[in-house]
C-alpha atoms as a PDB file:
ATOM      1  CA  MET A   1      55.531  61.618 112.564  1.00  0.00           C
ATOM      2  CA  LEU A   2      51.903  62.498 112.282  1.00  0.00           C
ATOM      3  CA  LYS A   3      52.700  66.258 112.921  1.00  0.00           C
ATOM      4  CA  LYS A   4      55.285  66.128 109.924  1.00  0.00           C
ATOM      5  CA  LEU A   5      52.505  64.472 107.641  1.00  0.00           C
ATOM      6  CA  ALA A   6      49.991  67.100 108.735  1.00  0.00           C
ATOM      7  CA  VAL A   7      52.432  69.934 108.042  1.00  0.00           C
ATOM      8  CA  ILE A   8      53.227  68.494 104.790  1.00  0.00           C
ATOM      9  CA  SER A   9      49.731  67.835 103.639  1.00  0.00           C
ATOM     10  CA  LEU A  10      48.585  71.209 104.685  1.00  0.00           C
ATOM     11  CA  THR A  11      51.498  72.955 102.939  1.00  0.00           C
ATOM     12  CA  ALA A  12      51.201  71.118  99.711  1.00  0.00           C
ATOM     13  CA  GLY A  13      47.205  71.516  99.652  1.00  0.00           C
ATOM     14  CA  ALA A  14      47.565  75.404 100.227  1.00  0.00           C
ATOM     15  CA  LEU A  15      50.426  75.733  97.627  1.00  0.00           C
ATOM     16  CA  VAL A  16      48.428  73.865  94.847  1.00  0.00           C
ATOM     17  CA  LEU A  17      45.333  75.855  95.733  1.00  0.00           C
ATOM     18  CA  VAL A  18      47.242  79.316  95.759  1.00  0.00           C
ATOM     19  CA  ALA A  19      49.431  78.591  92.862  1.00  0.00           C
ATOM     20  CA  PRO A  20      46.949  79.844  90.319  1.00  0.00           C
ATOM     21  CA  ALA A  21      46.414  83.017  92.079  1.00  0.00           C
ATOM     22  CA  VAL A  22      50.147  83.662  92.426  1.00  0.00           C
ATOM     23  CA  ALA A  23      50.703  82.883  88.852  1.00  0.00           C
ATOM     24  CA  SER A  24      48.133  85.371  87.596  1.00  0.00           C
ATOM     25  CA  ALA A  25      49.409  88.116  89.932  1.00  0.00           C
ATOM     26  CA  ALA A  26      52.334  89.012  87.589  1.00  0.00           C
ATOM     27  CA  PRO A  27      52.887  92.739  86.997  1.00  0.00           C
ATOM     28  CA  SER A  28      51.041  93.774  83.619  1.00  0.00           C
ATOM     29  CA  ASP A  29      53.975  96.057  82.591  1.00  0.00           C
ATOM     30  CA  LEU A  30      56.975  93.709  82.538  1.00  0.00           C
ATOM     31  CA  ALA A  31      58.946  96.332  80.206  1.00  0.00           C
ATOM     32  CA  SER A  32      59.357  98.448  83.342  1.00  0.00           C
ATOM     33  CA  PHE A  33      61.651  95.739  84.878  1.00  0.00           C
ATOM     34  CA  SER A  34      63.890  95.624  81.892  1.00  0.00           C
ATOM     35  CA  ASP A  35      66.795  98.194  82.239  1.00  0.00           C
ATOM     36  CA  ASP A  36      69.286  97.053  79.497  1.00  0.00           C
ATOM     37  CA  SER A  37      69.666  99.831  76.970  1.00  0.00           C
ATOM     38  CA  TYR A  38      70.466  97.636  73.969  1.00  0.00           C
ATOM     39  CA  ALA A  39      68.194  97.599  71.126  1.00  0.00           C
ATOM     40  CA  LYS A  40      65.960  94.450  70.760  1.00  0.00           C
ATOM     41  CA  PRO A  41      65.949  92.527  67.587  1.00  0.00           C
ATOM     42  CA  PRO A  42      62.925  92.829  65.497  1.00  0.00           C
ATOM     43  CA  GLN A  43      60.415  90.284  66.556  1.00  0.00           C
ATOM     44  CA  ALA A  44      58.090  87.920  64.704  1.00  0.00           C
ATOM     45  CA  THR A  45      54.896  86.482  66.120  1.00  0.00           C
ATOM     46  CA  VAL A  46      52.349  84.033  64.754  1.00  0.00           C
ATOM     47  CA  GLU A  47      48.755  85.010  65.831  1.00  0.00           C
ATOM     48  CA  ASN A  48      46.435  81.973  65.833  1.00  0.00           C
ATOM     49  CA  SER A  49      49.142  79.236  65.274  1.00  0.00           C
ATOM     50  CA  THR A  50      46.461  76.594  65.392  1.00  0.00           C
ATOM     51  CA  VAL A  51      43.492  77.204  63.164  1.00  0.00           C
ATOM     52  CA  ASP A  52      40.420  75.325  61.792  1.00  0.00           C
ATOM     53  CA  LEU A  53      40.020  74.731  58.214  1.00  0.00           C
ATOM     54  CA  CYS A  54      38.768  78.000  56.380  1.00  0.00           C
ATOM     55  CA  GLU A  55      40.244  80.136  59.201  1.00  0.00           C
ATOM     56  CA  ALA A  56      43.188  82.541  58.749  1.00  0.00           C
ATOM     57  CA  SER A  57      46.428  82.771  60.761  1.00  0.00           C
ATOM     58  CA  THR A  58      48.578  85.938  60.845  1.00  0.00           C
ATOM     59  CA  ILE A  59      52.205  86.280  60.976  1.00  0.00           C
ATOM     60  CA  VAL A  60      53.417  89.666  62.219  1.00  0.00           C
ATOM     61  CA  PHE A  61      57.048  91.054  61.771  1.00  0.00           C
ATOM     62  CA  GLY A  62      58.060  94.054  63.907  1.00  0.00           C
ATOM     63  CA  SER A  63      59.542  97.234  62.396  1.00  0.00           C
ATOM     64  CA  GLY A  64      63.114  96.665  61.052  1.00  0.00           C
ATOM     65  CA  PHE A  65      62.617  93.068  60.405  1.00  0.00           C
ATOM     66  CA  PHE A  66      62.885  93.594  56.646  1.00  0.00           C
ATOM     67  CA  LEU A  67      64.119  96.430  54.452  1.00  0.00           C
ATOM     68  CA  PRO A  68      61.302  99.035  53.913  1.00  0.00           C
ATOM     69  CA  GLY A  69      59.111  98.114  50.936  1.00  0.00           C
ATOM     70  CA  GLU A  70      60.886  94.855  50.399  1.00  0.00           C
ATOM     71  CA  ASN A  71      58.937  92.159  48.567  1.00  0.00           C
ATOM     72  CA  VAL A  72      59.411  89.132  50.645  1.00  0.00           C
ATOM     73  CA  SER A  73      59.353  85.715  48.972  1.00  0.00           C
ATOM     74  CA  VAL A  74      56.958  83.259  50.780  1.00  0.00           C
ATOM     75  CA  GLY A  75      56.904  79.409  50.437  1.00  0.00           C
ATOM     76  CA  ILE A  76      54.392  77.206  51.961  1.00  0.00           C
ATOM     77  CA  SER A  77      54.804  73.460  52.708  1.00  0.00           C
ATOM     78  CA  GLY A  78      52.406  70.860  54.021  1.00  0.00           C
ATOM     79  CA  ASN A  79      49.362  68.856  53.055  1.00  0.00           C
ATOM     80  CA  ASN A  80      47.997  70.223  49.677  1.00  0.00           C
ATOM     81  CA  ALA A  81      50.200  73.425  50.176  1.00  0.00           C
ATOM     82  CA  ALA A  82      49.843  74.408  46.698  1.00  0.00           C
ATOM     83  CA  ASN A  83      46.178  75.282  47.326  1.00  0.00           C
ATOM     84  CA  ALA A  84      46.876  77.332  50.473  1.00  0.00           C
ATOM     85  CA  SER A  85      46.646  81.244  50.027  1.00  0.00           C
ATOM     86  CA  TYR A  86      48.279  84.232  51.580  1.00  0.00           C
ATOM     87  CA  SER A  87      48.448  87.865  51.346  1.00  0.00           C
ATOM     88  CA  GLY A  88      50.632  90.790  52.563  1.00  0.00           C
ATOM     89  CA  ASN A  89      54.106  89.740  51.568  1.00  0.00           C
ATOM     90  CA  VAL A  90      55.313  93.323  50.938  1.00  0.00           C
ATOM     91  CA  ALA A  91      57.190  95.046  53.917  1.00  0.00           C
ATOM     92  CA  ASN A  92      55.755  98.564  55.015  1.00  0.00           C
ATOM     93  CA  ALA A  93      57.743 101.744  55.157  1.00  0.00           C
ATOM     94  CA  ASP A  94      59.324 100.810  58.751  1.00  0.00           C
ATOM     95  CA  GLY A  95      60.229  97.189  57.540  1.00  0.00           C
ATOM     96  CA  GLY A  96      57.350  95.616  59.381  1.00  0.00           C
ATOM     97  CA  LEU A  97      55.163  93.099  57.614  1.00  0.00           C
ATOM     98  CA  VAL A  98      51.703  91.501  58.450  1.00  0.00           C
ATOM     99  CA  LEU A  99      50.900  88.402  56.346  1.00  0.00           C
ATOM    100  CA  SER A 100      47.578  86.577  56.301  1.00  0.00           C
ATOM    101  CA  PHE A 101      47.873  82.671  55.819  1.00  0.00           C
ATOM    102  CA  ARG A 102      44.816  80.719  54.901  1.00  0.00           C
ATOM    103  CA  PRO A 103      45.290  76.887  54.636  1.00  0.00           C
ATOM    104  CA  PRO A 104      43.749  75.015  51.767  1.00  0.00           C
ATOM    105  CA  ALA A 105      40.026  73.816  52.014  1.00  0.00           C
ATOM    106  CA  ASN A 106      41.284  70.198  51.589  1.00  0.00           C
ATOM    107  CA  GLY A 107      44.260  70.447  54.119  1.00  0.00           C
ATOM    108  CA  SER A 108      45.123  69.624  57.681  1.00  0.00           C
ATOM    109  CA  GLY A 109      48.265  69.194  59.854  1.00  0.00           C
ATOM    110  CA  THR A 110      51.382  71.227  60.122  1.00  0.00           C
ATOM    111  CA  TYR A 111      52.194  73.896  57.672  1.00  0.00           C
ATOM    112  CA  ALA A 112      55.610  75.677  57.397  1.00  0.00           C
ATOM    113  CA  VAL A 113      55.427  79.106  56.027  1.00  0.00           C
ATOM    114  CA  ALA A 114      58.955  80.116  55.171  1.00  0.00           C
ATOM    115  CA  PHE A 115      59.715  83.872  54.428  1.00  0.00           C
ATOM    116  CA  THR A 116      62.972  84.769  52.516  1.00  0.00           C
ATOM    117  CA  GLY A 117      64.236  88.149  51.998  1.00  0.00           C
ATOM    118  CA  SER A 118      66.874  90.365  53.812  1.00  0.00           C
ATOM    119  CA  ALA A 119      65.965  88.152  56.768  1.00  0.00           C
ATOM    120  CA  SER A 120      64.508  84.863  57.055  1.00  0.00           C
ATOM    121  CA  TYR A 121      62.010  83.112  59.165  1.00  0.00           C
ATOM    122  CA  THR A 122      59.832  79.993  59.231  1.00  0.00           C
ATOM    123  CA  ALA A 123      56.345  79.965  60.913  1.00  0.00           C
ATOM    124  CA  THR A 124      54.701  76.891  61.939  1.00  0.00           C
ATOM    125  CA  ILE A 125      50.960  76.616  61.889  1.00  0.00           C
ATOM    126  CA  THR A 126      48.636  73.767  62.681  1.00  0.00           C
ATOM    127  CA  VAL A 127      45.376  73.136  60.828  1.00  0.00           C
ATOM    128  CA  SER A 128      42.611  70.883  62.188  1.00  0.00           C
ATOM    129  CA  ARG A 129      39.515  69.832  60.740  1.00  0.00           C
ATOM    130  CA  GLY A 130      37.090  71.577  63.230  1.00  0.00           C
ATOM    131  CA  HIS A 131      33.898  72.784  62.722  1.00  0.00           C
ATOM    132  CA  ASP A 132      34.228  74.403  59.344  1.00  0.00           C
ATOM    133  CA  ALA A 133      35.057  71.074  57.518  1.00  0.00           C
ATOM    134  CA  THR A 134      33.861  72.238  54.090  1.00  0.00           C
ATOM    135  CA  VAL A 135      34.897  71.430  50.487  1.00  0.00           C
ATOM    136  CA  SER A 136      35.298  75.283  49.767  1.00  0.00           C
ATOM    137  CA  CYS A 137      36.176  78.111  52.060  1.00  0.00           C
ATOM    138  CA  ASP A 138      35.141  81.042  49.893  1.00  0.00           C
ATOM    139  CA  HIS A 139      37.000  83.473  52.024  1.00  0.00           C
ATOM    140  CA  ASP A 140      39.036  86.401  51.228  1.00  0.00           C
ATOM    141  CA  PRO A 141      42.497  85.590  52.651  1.00  0.00           C
ATOM    142  CA  ALA A 142      43.021  89.316  53.435  1.00  0.00           C
ATOM    143  CA  VAL A 143      40.300  89.205  56.056  1.00  0.00           C
ATOM    144  CA  ALA A 144      41.648  87.993  59.387  1.00  0.00           C
ATOM    145  CA  ALA A 145      39.828  85.267  61.280  1.00  0.00           C
ATOM    146  CA  ALA A 146      37.502  86.058  64.101  1.00  0.00           C
ATOM    147  CA  GLY A 147      39.410  86.661  67.328  1.00  0.00           C
ATOM    148  CA  SER A 148      42.473  88.018  65.664  1.00  0.00           C
ATOM    149  CA  ASP A 149      41.703  91.587  66.421  1.00  0.00           C
ATOM    150  CA  GLY A 150      43.993  91.556  69.578  1.00  0.00           C
ATOM    151  CA  PHE A 151      41.112  91.045  72.056  1.00  0.00           C
ATOM    152  CA  GLU A 152      41.403  87.412  72.355  1.00  0.00           C
ATOM    153  CA  LEU A 153      43.683  85.608  75.040  1.00  0.00           C
ATOM    154  CA  ALA A 154      46.754  83.724  73.741  1.00  0.00           C
ATOM    155  CA  LEU A 155      46.029  79.937  73.496  1.00  0.00           C
ATOM    156  CA  THR A 156      49.072  78.560  75.670  1.00  0.00           C
ATOM    157  CA  GLY A 157      47.777  75.203  76.356  1.00  0.00           C
ATOM    158  CA  GLY A 158      47.691  75.882  80.066  1.00  0.00           C
ATOM    159  CA  GLY A 159      44.667  76.244  82.226  1.00  0.00           C
ATOM    160  CA  PHE A 160      43.130  74.932  85.381  1.00  0.00           C
ATOM    161  CA  SER A 161      43.147  71.209  85.967  1.00  0.00           C
ATOM    162  CA  PRO A 162      40.390  69.867  87.960  1.00  0.00           C
ATOM    163  CA  TRP A 163      42.490  66.966  88.868  1.00  0.00           C
ATOM    164  CA  VAL A 164      45.416  69.194  90.252  1.00  0.00           C
ATOM    165  CA  LEU A 165      42.854  71.580  91.967  1.00  0.00           C
ATOM    166  CA  GLY A 166      40.982  68.369  93.378  1.00  0.00           C
ATOM    167  CA  GLY A 167      44.323  66.884  94.580  1.00  0.00           C
ATOM    168  CA  GLY A 168      45.337  70.147  96.310  1.00  0.00           C
ATOM    169  CA  ALA A 169      42.025  70.329  98.226  1.00  0.00           C
ATOM    170  CA  ALA A 170      42.142  66.624  99.090  1.00  0.00           C
ATOM    171  CA  ALA A 171      45.583  67.182 100.473  1.00  0.00           C
ATOM    172  CA  LEU A 172      44.365  70.400 102.190  1.00  0.00           C
ATOM    173  CA  VAL A 173      41.494  68.361 103.993  1.00  0.00           C
ATOM    174  CA  ALA A 174      43.888  65.529 104.787  1.00  0.00           C
ATOM    175  CA  GLY A 175      46.137  67.899 106.526  1.00  0.00           C
ATOM    176  CA  GLY A 176      43.323  69.355 108.422  1.00  0.00           C
ATOM    177  CA  VAL A 177      42.111  65.962 109.436  1.00  0.00           C
ATOM    178  CA  LEU A 178      45.606  64.845 110.700  1.00  0.00           C
ATOM    179  CA  VAL A 179      45.916  68.203 112.586  1.00  0.00           C
ATOM    180  CA  ALA A 180      42.298  67.418 114.323  1.00  0.00           C
ATOM    181  CA  ALA A 181      43.372  63.911 115.143  1.00  0.00           C
ATOM    182  CA  GLY A 182      46.670  65.071 116.561  1.00  0.00           C
ATOM    183  CA  ILE A 183      44.687  67.694 118.811  1.00  0.00           C
ATOM    184  CA  THR A 184      42.207  64.951 119.901  1.00  0.00           C
ATOM    185  CA  ARG A 185      45.130  62.633 120.759  1.00  0.00           C
ATOM    186  CA  ARG A 186      46.772  65.188 123.000  1.00  0.00           C
ATOM    187  CA  LYS A 187      43.630  65.997 124.766  1.00  0.00           C
ATOM    188  CA  ARG A 188      43.225  62.196 125.679  1.00  0.00           C
ATOM    189  CA  ALA A 189      46.798  61.847 126.819  1.00  0.00           C
END
């Protein structure tokens, strides 16, 4: 019983400590693993889906999402949505579109930015009253927020939890103690 408990503790501790390294070892070029020849549908992404007041969020549509040069209708709903601003609702020559959304200075919560044209899409953006909780933002909505230049990591909500890492280390130490106790008990016998 002591051996099984030692092996389980050592294995669990090692797995918890090694998991972050294994998770980050994914290949950087996942496209090379895709061998299907079907065309992918045009994609839409929301950069900075969670912003503070007076910061901008950018919604990017891949080429072919809309018709070239299409004037896309944009509707915004949320707290004080009438005071929100946006720019860039005309598709470019390849049907792609980049829209900058800036929430109202007196807004907070979740906003739905609905696009209607040859295709439809609704983006969800969460606004919090962070460091820039002012009465007036006085910013140009066409200017993207800091960190939206493509050099910032995605905010996925994941990360290292000190509790999980500490638990893994404790399990590893406990397994080591159990192994040492088993060796000592065998030497005495």
